[in-house]
Amino acid sequence: MSLSVHVRAFRDLVGDGGVVDDPERMATYTTDQRQLSTGSTFAVLKPRTTKQVADIVRLTAYHGIGIVPQGIVR
């Protein structure tokens, strides 16, 4: 399965607003605060419900895609 197909599948789960795949916008998510370390990803997902989180985990596990969860305490 190609990356574009994965991104499309994630868009189906969380909607267009829940997927960031623009490299410039993703830079804030893949660079640490001190800007000493940079990672890479093909998309940043922003689920809004626990069901979306569960669906994302299920889909990534099925396709062998690693995930790195991050969250904001509100």
N, C-alpha and C. Protein backbone atom coordinates (compact mmCIF):
# COMPACT_ATOMS: atom_id res chain seq x y z
N MET A 1 0.85 -1.17 0.00
CA MET A 1 0.00 0.00 0.00
C MET A 1 0.90 1.24 0.00
N SER A 2 0.63 2.18 -0.89
CA SER A 2 1.47 3.37 -1.00
C SER A 2 1.12 4.39 0.07
N LEU A 3 2.04 5.33 0.28
CA LEU A 3 1.81 6.37 1.29
C LEU A 3 0.56 7.18 0.99
N SER A 4 0.33 7.49 -0.28
CA SER A 4 -0.85 8.27 -0.63
C SER A 4 -2.13 7.52 -0.28
N VAL A 5 -2.11 6.21 -0.42
CA VAL A 5 -3.28 5.41 -0.06
C VAL A 5 -3.47 5.42 1.45
N HIS A 6 -2.36 5.36 2.21
CA HIS A 6 -2.46 5.45 3.66
C HIS A 6 -3.04 6.80 4.08
N VAL A 7 -2.54 7.88 3.49
CA VAL A 7 -3.03 9.20 3.83
C VAL A 7 -4.52 9.30 3.53
N ARG A 8 -4.95 8.77 2.40
CA ARG A 8 -6.37 8.78 2.04
C ARG A 8 -7.19 8.01 3.07
N ALA A 9 -6.66 6.87 3.53
CA ALA A 9 -7.37 6.06 4.53
C ALA A 9 -7.49 6.83 5.84
N PHE A 10 -6.42 7.54 6.22
CA PHE A 10 -6.47 8.35 7.45
C PHE A 10 -7.46 9.50 7.29
N ARG A 11 -7.51 10.12 6.11
CA ARG A 11 -8.49 11.19 5.86
C ARG A 11 -9.92 10.65 6.00
N ASP A 12 -10.13 9.42 5.56
CA ASP A 12 -11.45 8.80 5.71
C ASP A 12 -11.82 8.65 7.18
N LEU A 13 -10.81 8.40 8.03
CA LEU A 13 -11.06 8.20 9.46
C LEU A 13 -11.28 9.51 10.21
N VAL A 14 -10.45 10.52 9.93
CA VAL A 14 -10.46 11.74 10.75
C VAL A 14 -10.86 13.00 9.99
N GLY A 15 -11.14 12.89 8.71
CA GLY A 15 -11.51 14.05 7.91
C GLY A 15 -10.29 14.80 7.42
N ASP A 16 -10.51 15.70 6.45
CA ASP A 16 -9.40 16.45 5.87
C ASP A 16 -8.67 17.30 6.90
N GLY A 17 -9.41 17.90 7.83
CA GLY A 17 -8.80 18.75 8.85
C GLY A 17 -8.00 17.98 9.88
N GLY A 18 -8.14 16.68 9.92
CA GLY A 18 -7.43 15.86 10.90
C GLY A 18 -6.14 15.26 10.39
N VAL A 19 -5.74 15.60 9.15
CA VAL A 19 -4.51 15.08 8.57
C VAL A 19 -3.64 16.25 8.09
N VAL A 20 -2.43 16.30 8.59
CA VAL A 20 -1.45 17.28 8.13
C VAL A 20 -0.40 16.50 7.34
N ASP A 21 -0.26 16.80 6.05
CA ASP A 21 0.76 16.12 5.26
C ASP A 21 1.62 17.09 4.46
N ASP A 22 1.48 18.37 4.74
CA ASP A 22 2.34 19.39 4.12
C ASP A 22 3.67 19.43 4.88
N PRO A 23 4.79 19.22 4.19
CA PRO A 23 6.09 19.15 4.88
C PRO A 23 6.41 20.38 5.75
N GLU A 24 6.05 21.55 5.30
CA GLU A 24 6.33 22.76 6.10
C GLU A 24 5.53 22.76 7.39
N ARG A 25 4.27 22.39 7.31
CA ARG A 25 3.43 22.35 8.52
C ARG A 25 3.84 21.22 9.45
N MET A 26 4.33 20.11 8.88
CA MET A 26 4.73 18.97 9.72
C MET A 26 6.02 19.25 10.47
N ALA A 27 6.83 20.20 10.02
CA ALA A 27 8.12 20.47 10.65
C ALA A 27 7.96 20.81 12.13
N THR A 28 6.89 21.49 12.51
CA THR A 28 6.70 21.82 13.92
C THR A 28 6.44 20.58 14.77
N TYR A 29 5.99 19.51 14.15
CA TYR A 29 5.70 18.27 14.87
C TYR A 29 6.90 17.32 14.88
N THR A 30 7.83 17.49 13.96
CA THR A 30 8.93 16.54 13.82
C THR A 30 10.28 17.09 14.30
N THR A 31 10.29 18.31 14.81
CA THR A 31 11.51 18.91 15.33
C THR A 31 11.33 19.18 16.82
N ASP A 32 12.31 18.78 17.63
CA ASP A 32 12.17 19.00 19.07
C ASP A 32 12.27 20.48 19.39
N GLN A 33 11.88 20.85 20.62
CA GLN A 33 11.80 22.25 21.00
C GLN A 33 13.15 22.97 20.92
N ARG A 34 14.22 22.24 21.17
CA ARG A 34 15.56 22.87 21.10
C ARG A 34 16.11 22.89 19.68
N GLN A 35 15.36 22.29 18.76
CA GLN A 35 15.73 22.20 17.35
C GLN A 35 17.08 21.51 17.14
N LEU A 36 17.32 20.48 17.98
CA LEU A 36 18.54 19.68 17.88
C LEU A 36 18.29 18.36 17.16
N SER A 37 17.05 17.93 17.15
CA SER A 37 16.72 16.62 16.58
C SER A 37 15.49 16.75 15.69
N THR A 38 15.54 16.09 14.55
CA THR A 38 14.42 16.12 13.62
C THR A 38 14.08 14.70 13.20
N GLY A 39 12.81 14.40 13.20
CA GLY A 39 12.33 13.10 12.75
C GLY A 39 11.67 13.24 11.39
N SER A 40 11.02 12.18 10.97
CA SER A 40 10.31 12.25 9.69
C SER A 40 9.01 11.45 9.79
N THR A 41 8.05 11.85 9.01
CA THR A 41 6.78 11.16 8.95
C THR A 41 6.10 11.50 7.64
N PHE A 42 5.14 10.70 7.24
CA PHE A 42 4.41 11.02 6.01
C PHE A 42 3.12 11.77 6.33
N ALA A 43 2.72 11.81 7.61
CA ALA A 43 1.53 12.55 7.99
C ALA A 43 1.47 12.72 9.50
N VAL A 44 0.81 13.78 9.92
CA VAL A 44 0.48 14.01 11.32
C VAL A 44 -1.04 13.91 11.41
N LEU A 45 -1.50 13.09 12.34
CA LEU A 45 -2.94 12.89 12.49
C LEU A 45 -3.42 13.60 13.74
N LYS A 46 -4.59 14.22 13.63
CA LYS A 46 -5.14 14.99 14.74
C LYS A 46 -6.58 14.53 15.01
N PRO A 47 -6.70 13.36 15.66
CA PRO A 47 -8.04 12.85 15.95
C PRO A 47 -8.74 13.71 17.00
N ARG A 48 -10.08 13.73 16.92
CA ARG A 48 -10.85 14.53 17.88
C ARG A 48 -11.64 13.68 18.86
N THR A 49 -11.72 12.39 18.61
CA THR A 49 -12.49 11.52 19.51
C THR A 49 -11.67 10.29 19.86
N THR A 50 -12.06 9.64 20.95
CA THR A 50 -11.38 8.40 21.31
C THR A 50 -11.63 7.31 20.27
N LYS A 51 -12.78 7.33 19.62
CA LYS A 51 -13.05 6.36 18.56
C LYS A 51 -12.08 6.56 17.41
N GLN A 52 -11.80 7.81 17.03
CA GLN A 52 -10.84 8.07 15.96
C GLN A 52 -9.45 7.57 16.36
N VAL A 53 -9.07 7.78 17.62
CA VAL A 53 -7.78 7.28 18.10
C VAL A 53 -7.74 5.76 17.96
N ALA A 54 -8.78 5.09 18.42
CA ALA A 54 -8.83 3.62 18.33
C ALA A 54 -8.77 3.15 16.88
N ASP A 55 -9.49 3.84 16.00
CA ASP A 55 -9.48 3.47 14.58
C ASP A 55 -8.10 3.66 13.97
N ILE A 56 -7.41 4.74 14.34
CA ILE A 56 -6.06 4.99 13.85
C ILE A 56 -5.11 3.90 14.32
N VAL A 57 -5.18 3.56 15.60
CA VAL A 57 -4.30 2.52 16.15
C VAL A 57 -4.56 1.19 15.45
N ARG A 58 -5.81 0.88 15.23
CA ARG A 58 -6.17 -0.38 14.55
C ARG A 58 -5.61 -0.41 13.13
N LEU A 59 -5.80 0.69 12.38
CA LEU A 59 -5.33 0.76 11.00
C LEU A 59 -3.81 0.71 10.91
N THR A 60 -3.12 1.44 11.79
CA THR A 60 -1.65 1.43 11.75
C THR A 60 -1.11 0.06 12.15
N ALA A 61 -1.72 -0.58 13.12
CA ALA A 61 -1.27 -1.92 13.52
C ALA A 61 -1.46 -2.91 12.37
N TYR A 62 -2.59 -2.83 11.70
CA TYR A 62 -2.88 -3.74 10.59
C TYR A 62 -1.85 -3.60 9.47
N HIS A 63 -1.43 -2.35 9.18
CA HIS A 63 -0.49 -2.10 8.08
C HIS A 63 0.97 -2.02 8.53
N GLY A 64 1.23 -2.23 9.82
CA GLY A 64 2.61 -2.20 10.31
C GLY A 64 3.22 -0.81 10.29
N ILE A 65 2.41 0.21 10.50
CA ILE A 65 2.89 1.59 10.52
C ILE A 65 3.13 1.99 11.97
N GLY A 66 4.34 2.48 12.26
CA GLY A 66 4.65 2.94 13.61
C GLY A 66 3.98 4.27 13.89
N ILE A 67 3.59 4.47 15.14
CA ILE A 67 3.01 5.74 15.55
C ILE A 67 3.72 6.26 16.79
N VAL A 68 3.77 7.57 16.92
CA VAL A 68 4.31 8.23 18.11
C VAL A 68 3.23 9.17 18.62
N PRO A 69 2.53 8.76 19.67
CA PRO A 69 1.45 9.60 20.18
C PRO A 69 2.00 10.84 20.90
N GLN A 70 1.31 11.94 20.72
CA GLN A 70 1.60 13.18 21.43
C GLN A 70 0.26 13.75 21.85
N GLY A 71 0.25 14.50 22.91
CA GLY A 71 -1.01 15.07 23.35
C GLY A 71 -0.79 16.40 24.03
N ILE A 72 -1.88 17.10 24.21
CA ILE A 72 -1.87 18.38 24.89
C ILE A 72 -2.79 18.26 26.09
N VAL A 73 -2.30 18.65 27.25
CA VAL A 73 -3.13 18.65 28.44
C VAL A 73 -3.92 19.95 28.45
N ARG A 74 -5.22 19.80 28.57
CA ARG A 74 -6.08 21.01 28.60
C ARG A 74 -6.73 21.17 29.93
